[in-house]
N, C-alpha and C. Protein backbone atom coordinates (compact mmCIF):
# COMPACT_ATOMS: atom_id res chain seq x y z
N MET A 1 -14.14 -65.62 -0.26
CA MET A 1 -13.71 -64.49 -1.07
C MET A 1 -14.75 -64.22 -2.16
N PRO A 2 -15.04 -62.97 -2.39
CA PRO A 2 -16.00 -62.66 -3.45
C PRO A 2 -15.44 -63.05 -4.82
N THR A 3 -16.33 -63.42 -5.71
CA THR A 3 -15.96 -63.86 -7.05
C THR A 3 -15.23 -62.77 -7.82
N SER A 4 -15.67 -61.55 -7.68
CA SER A 4 -15.03 -60.44 -8.41
C SER A 4 -13.58 -60.25 -7.98
N LEU A 5 -13.30 -60.45 -6.69
CA LEU A 5 -11.94 -60.32 -6.19
C LEU A 5 -11.05 -61.43 -6.75
N VAL A 6 -11.57 -62.64 -6.82
CA VAL A 6 -10.83 -63.78 -7.38
C VAL A 6 -10.53 -63.52 -8.86
N LYS A 7 -11.55 -63.04 -9.59
CA LYS A 7 -11.34 -62.73 -11.01
C LYS A 7 -10.27 -61.66 -11.19
N GLU A 8 -10.30 -60.66 -10.34
CA GLU A 8 -9.30 -59.58 -10.42
C GLU A 8 -7.90 -60.13 -10.13
N GLN A 9 -7.78 -61.01 -9.15
CA GLN A 9 -6.48 -61.63 -8.85
C GLN A 9 -5.97 -62.45 -10.02
N VAL A 10 -6.87 -63.19 -10.65
CA VAL A 10 -6.50 -64.01 -11.81
C VAL A 10 -6.02 -63.09 -12.94
N ARG A 11 -6.74 -62.00 -13.19
CA ARG A 11 -6.33 -61.05 -14.24
C ARG A 11 -4.97 -60.43 -13.92
N CYS A 12 -4.77 -60.07 -12.66
CA CYS A 12 -3.48 -59.48 -12.25
C CYS A 12 -2.34 -60.48 -12.44
N LYS A 13 -2.58 -61.72 -12.03
CA LYS A 13 -1.55 -62.76 -12.20
C LYS A 13 -1.23 -62.96 -13.67
N GLU A 14 -2.27 -62.98 -14.51
CA GLU A 14 -2.06 -63.17 -15.95
C GLU A 14 -1.28 -61.99 -16.54
N ARG A 15 -1.64 -60.77 -16.16
CA ARG A 15 -0.89 -59.59 -16.64
C ARG A 15 0.56 -59.65 -16.18
N LEU A 16 0.77 -60.01 -14.92
CA LEU A 16 2.14 -60.13 -14.40
C LEU A 16 2.92 -61.20 -15.17
N ARG A 17 2.30 -62.33 -15.43
CA ARG A 17 2.94 -63.40 -16.20
C ARG A 17 3.30 -62.91 -17.60
N ASN A 18 2.39 -62.18 -18.23
CA ASN A 18 2.66 -61.63 -19.57
C ASN A 18 3.83 -60.63 -19.53
N HIS A 19 3.82 -59.76 -18.53
CA HIS A 19 4.91 -58.77 -18.41
C HIS A 19 6.25 -59.47 -18.17
N LEU A 20 6.26 -60.47 -17.32
CA LEU A 20 7.50 -61.20 -17.06
C LEU A 20 7.99 -61.91 -18.31
N SER A 21 7.07 -62.44 -19.09
CA SER A 21 7.44 -63.08 -20.35
C SER A 21 8.06 -62.07 -21.31
N GLU A 22 7.46 -60.89 -21.39
CA GLU A 22 8.00 -59.82 -22.25
C GLU A 22 9.38 -59.39 -21.78
N VAL A 23 9.55 -59.28 -20.48
CA VAL A 23 10.86 -58.90 -19.93
C VAL A 23 11.89 -59.96 -20.27
N GLY A 24 11.53 -61.22 -20.13
CA GLY A 24 12.45 -62.30 -20.48
C GLY A 24 12.86 -62.24 -21.94
N GLU A 25 11.89 -61.99 -22.83
CA GLU A 25 12.20 -61.86 -24.25
C GLU A 25 13.11 -60.66 -24.49
N SER A 26 12.85 -59.57 -23.79
CA SER A 26 13.69 -58.38 -23.95
C SER A 26 15.13 -58.67 -23.54
N PHE A 27 15.30 -59.42 -22.45
CA PHE A 27 16.66 -59.77 -22.02
C PHE A 27 17.34 -60.68 -23.04
N ASP A 28 16.57 -61.58 -23.64
CA ASP A 28 17.14 -62.43 -24.69
C ASP A 28 17.62 -61.58 -25.86
N TYR A 29 16.81 -60.61 -26.26
CA TYR A 29 17.21 -59.72 -27.34
C TYR A 29 18.44 -58.91 -26.95
N LEU A 30 18.47 -58.43 -25.72
CA LEU A 30 19.63 -57.66 -25.25
C LEU A 30 20.90 -58.51 -25.27
N ARG A 31 20.80 -59.74 -24.80
CA ARG A 31 21.97 -60.64 -24.82
C ARG A 31 22.46 -60.84 -26.25
N SER A 32 21.54 -61.05 -27.14
CA SER A 32 21.90 -61.24 -28.55
C SER A 32 22.57 -59.98 -29.11
N ASP A 33 22.00 -58.82 -28.78
CA ASP A 33 22.59 -57.56 -29.24
C ASP A 33 23.99 -57.36 -28.69
N VAL A 34 24.20 -57.71 -27.43
CA VAL A 34 25.53 -57.57 -26.82
C VAL A 34 26.52 -58.50 -27.49
N ARG A 35 26.11 -59.75 -27.77
CA ARG A 35 27.00 -60.68 -28.47
C ARG A 35 27.36 -60.14 -29.85
N ASN A 36 26.35 -59.65 -30.57
CA ASN A 36 26.61 -59.10 -31.90
C ASN A 36 27.51 -57.87 -31.81
N LEU A 37 27.27 -57.02 -30.85
CA LEU A 37 28.10 -55.84 -30.67
C LEU A 37 29.53 -56.21 -30.32
N SER A 38 29.71 -57.21 -29.49
CA SER A 38 31.05 -57.67 -29.12
C SER A 38 31.80 -58.19 -30.34
N ARG A 39 31.11 -58.96 -31.17
CA ARG A 39 31.74 -59.46 -32.41
C ARG A 39 32.11 -58.30 -33.32
N TYR A 40 31.18 -57.35 -33.45
CA TYR A 40 31.43 -56.19 -34.31
C TYR A 40 32.62 -55.38 -33.79
N MET A 41 32.67 -55.16 -32.50
CA MET A 41 33.77 -54.40 -31.91
C MET A 41 35.10 -55.10 -32.13
N ALA A 42 35.14 -56.42 -31.98
CA ALA A 42 36.38 -57.16 -32.22
C ALA A 42 36.81 -57.01 -33.68
N GLU A 43 35.87 -57.11 -34.59
CA GLU A 43 36.20 -56.92 -36.01
C GLU A 43 36.67 -55.50 -36.28
N LEU A 44 36.01 -54.55 -35.68
CA LEU A 44 36.38 -53.14 -35.86
C LEU A 44 37.77 -52.87 -35.30
N GLU A 45 38.06 -53.41 -34.13
CA GLU A 45 39.39 -53.23 -33.55
C GLU A 45 40.47 -53.84 -34.44
N GLU A 46 40.19 -55.01 -34.99
CA GLU A 46 41.15 -55.66 -35.89
C GLU A 46 41.35 -54.82 -37.15
N LEU A 47 40.26 -54.30 -37.68
CA LEU A 47 40.34 -53.45 -38.86
C LEU A 47 41.12 -52.18 -38.58
N ILE A 48 40.86 -51.59 -37.46
CA ILE A 48 41.56 -50.35 -37.09
C ILE A 48 43.05 -50.61 -36.93
N GLU A 49 43.39 -51.70 -36.28
CA GLU A 49 44.81 -52.01 -36.10
C GLU A 49 45.49 -52.27 -37.45
N SER A 50 44.80 -52.95 -38.35
CA SER A 50 45.35 -53.17 -39.68
C SER A 50 45.53 -51.85 -40.42
N TYR A 51 44.53 -51.00 -40.32
CA TYR A 51 44.59 -49.69 -40.95
C TYR A 51 45.72 -48.86 -40.37
N ARG A 52 45.83 -48.90 -39.05
CA ARG A 52 46.87 -48.14 -38.37
C ARG A 52 48.26 -48.60 -38.81
N ALA A 53 48.46 -49.92 -38.86
CA ALA A 53 49.75 -50.46 -39.29
C ALA A 53 50.05 -50.07 -40.74
N PHE A 54 49.04 -50.17 -41.60
CA PHE A 54 49.22 -49.77 -42.99
C PHE A 54 49.58 -48.29 -43.09
N ALA A 55 48.82 -47.48 -42.40
CA ALA A 55 49.04 -46.03 -42.48
C ALA A 55 50.40 -45.64 -41.91
N ALA A 56 50.88 -46.36 -40.92
CA ALA A 56 52.15 -46.02 -40.30
C ALA A 56 53.34 -46.49 -41.14
N THR A 57 53.14 -47.52 -41.96
CA THR A 57 54.28 -48.09 -42.69
C THR A 57 54.28 -47.77 -44.18
N VAL A 58 53.21 -47.19 -44.68
CA VAL A 58 53.14 -46.90 -46.11
C VAL A 58 54.22 -45.87 -46.47
N THR A 59 54.84 -46.03 -47.63
CA THR A 59 55.86 -45.10 -48.10
C THR A 59 55.26 -44.24 -49.19
N LEU A 60 55.18 -42.99 -48.93
CA LEU A 60 54.62 -42.04 -49.89
C LEU A 60 55.72 -41.10 -50.34
N SER A 61 55.82 -40.94 -51.65
CA SER A 61 56.94 -40.16 -52.17
C SER A 61 56.60 -38.69 -52.37
N ALA A 62 55.42 -38.35 -52.75
CA ALA A 62 55.07 -36.95 -53.00
C ALA A 62 54.81 -36.23 -51.68
N PRO A 63 55.26 -34.96 -51.59
CA PRO A 63 55.01 -34.20 -50.36
C PRO A 63 53.52 -34.12 -49.99
N ALA A 64 52.67 -33.99 -50.99
CA ALA A 64 51.23 -33.91 -50.70
C ALA A 64 50.73 -35.23 -50.11
N ASP A 65 51.28 -36.35 -50.61
CA ASP A 65 50.89 -37.64 -50.07
C ASP A 65 51.34 -37.80 -48.63
N ARG A 66 52.54 -37.32 -48.35
CA ARG A 66 53.04 -37.40 -46.96
C ARG A 66 52.19 -36.52 -46.04
N ALA A 67 51.79 -35.36 -46.54
CA ALA A 67 50.92 -34.48 -45.74
C ALA A 67 49.57 -35.15 -45.50
N THR A 68 49.06 -35.80 -46.52
CA THR A 68 47.80 -36.52 -46.37
C THR A 68 47.94 -37.63 -45.34
N GLN A 69 49.07 -38.32 -45.40
CA GLN A 69 49.29 -39.40 -44.43
C GLN A 69 49.33 -38.84 -43.01
N ARG A 70 50.01 -37.71 -42.83
CA ARG A 70 50.07 -37.10 -41.49
C ARG A 70 48.68 -36.71 -41.00
N LYS A 71 47.90 -36.11 -41.90
CA LYS A 71 46.54 -35.72 -41.52
C LYS A 71 45.69 -36.94 -41.18
N LEU A 72 45.85 -37.99 -41.97
CA LEU A 72 45.11 -39.22 -41.74
C LEU A 72 45.46 -39.84 -40.39
N LEU A 73 46.73 -39.91 -40.10
CA LEU A 73 47.15 -40.46 -38.81
C LEU A 73 46.69 -39.58 -37.65
N LYS A 74 46.76 -38.26 -37.85
CA LYS A 74 46.31 -37.35 -36.81
C LYS A 74 44.81 -37.54 -36.55
N ARG A 75 44.05 -37.66 -37.63
CA ARG A 75 42.61 -37.87 -37.50
C ARG A 75 42.32 -39.22 -36.84
N THR A 76 43.06 -40.24 -37.24
CA THR A 76 42.89 -41.56 -36.64
C THR A 76 43.16 -41.52 -35.15
N HIS A 77 44.25 -40.87 -34.77
CA HIS A 77 44.59 -40.77 -33.33
C HIS A 77 43.53 -39.97 -32.58
N LYS A 78 42.99 -38.95 -33.23
CA LYS A 78 41.97 -38.14 -32.57
C LYS A 78 40.70 -38.96 -32.34
N ILE A 79 40.33 -39.77 -33.33
CA ILE A 79 39.08 -40.52 -33.23
C ILE A 79 39.21 -41.75 -32.34
N ILE A 80 40.28 -42.51 -32.53
CA ILE A 80 40.38 -43.78 -31.79
C ILE A 80 41.49 -43.81 -30.77
N GLY A 81 42.26 -42.75 -30.67
CA GLY A 81 43.33 -42.70 -29.69
C GLY A 81 44.65 -43.17 -30.28
N PRO A 82 45.72 -42.94 -29.54
CA PRO A 82 47.04 -43.35 -30.02
C PRO A 82 47.19 -44.87 -29.99
N PRO A 83 48.19 -45.39 -30.69
CA PRO A 83 48.43 -46.83 -30.62
C PRO A 83 48.65 -47.26 -29.17
N PRO A 84 48.31 -48.50 -28.84
CA PRO A 84 48.42 -48.96 -27.44
C PRO A 84 49.81 -48.81 -26.84
N ASP A 85 50.87 -48.97 -27.65
CA ASP A 85 52.21 -48.87 -27.08
C ASP A 85 52.58 -47.44 -26.69
N THR A 86 51.91 -46.42 -27.26
CA THR A 86 52.20 -45.04 -26.88
C THR A 86 51.14 -44.45 -25.96
N LEU A 87 50.13 -45.22 -25.67
CA LEU A 87 49.04 -44.73 -24.83
C LEU A 87 49.52 -44.31 -23.45
N ALA A 88 50.39 -45.10 -22.86
CA ALA A 88 50.89 -44.79 -21.52
C ALA A 88 51.66 -43.47 -21.51
N GLU A 89 52.34 -43.17 -22.61
CA GLU A 89 53.12 -41.93 -22.69
C GLU A 89 52.21 -40.72 -22.87
N THR A 90 51.19 -40.85 -23.72
CA THR A 90 50.38 -39.69 -24.06
C THR A 90 49.19 -39.48 -23.15
N ARG A 91 48.57 -40.56 -22.68
CA ARG A 91 47.39 -40.45 -21.82
C ARG A 91 47.47 -41.47 -20.69
N PRO A 92 48.26 -41.21 -19.65
CA PRO A 92 48.44 -42.20 -18.59
C PRO A 92 47.13 -42.59 -17.90
N GLU A 93 46.17 -41.67 -17.82
CA GLU A 93 44.90 -42.01 -17.16
C GLU A 93 44.13 -43.05 -17.96
N LEU A 94 44.28 -43.06 -19.29
CA LEU A 94 43.62 -44.07 -20.11
C LEU A 94 44.40 -45.37 -20.15
N ALA A 95 45.70 -45.30 -20.01
CA ALA A 95 46.52 -46.51 -20.02
C ALA A 95 46.14 -47.41 -18.85
N GLN A 96 45.80 -46.81 -17.72
CA GLN A 96 45.37 -47.60 -16.58
C GLN A 96 44.05 -48.29 -16.88
N CYS A 97 43.17 -47.63 -17.57
CA CYS A 97 41.87 -48.21 -17.91
C CYS A 97 42.01 -49.32 -18.93
N GLU A 98 42.99 -49.23 -19.81
CA GLU A 98 43.16 -50.24 -20.85
C GLU A 98 43.41 -51.61 -20.24
N ASP A 99 44.09 -51.66 -19.09
CA ASP A 99 44.33 -52.96 -18.44
C ASP A 99 43.01 -53.63 -18.07
N LEU A 100 41.98 -52.86 -17.83
CA LEU A 100 40.70 -53.41 -17.43
C LEU A 100 39.96 -54.04 -18.62
N VAL A 101 40.21 -53.58 -19.83
CA VAL A 101 39.47 -54.08 -20.99
C VAL A 101 40.24 -55.11 -21.78
N THR A 102 41.51 -55.30 -21.52
CA THR A 102 42.28 -56.29 -22.27
C THR A 102 42.41 -57.56 -21.49
């Protein structure tokens, strides 16, 4: 084999090794990001449920406060969906999907 061909093969192998190393590092970063995102989502879900329970049980005496509470709950339902116990009633197509994520 000519020397130039051997050198080219060595360079190609080295580039391939470097690319594979970079890909491996990228996957490590992705795994870490997914773990962090999963933790964040769990915390967010817990926070949302706490907020939802607070908003649903708070007693407001002034009519304006009650209107604010209704708007807040309506906005909450619009952004994150109805509480899980009413999901089957309001959005049956999503209730089926919820079984897959719980």
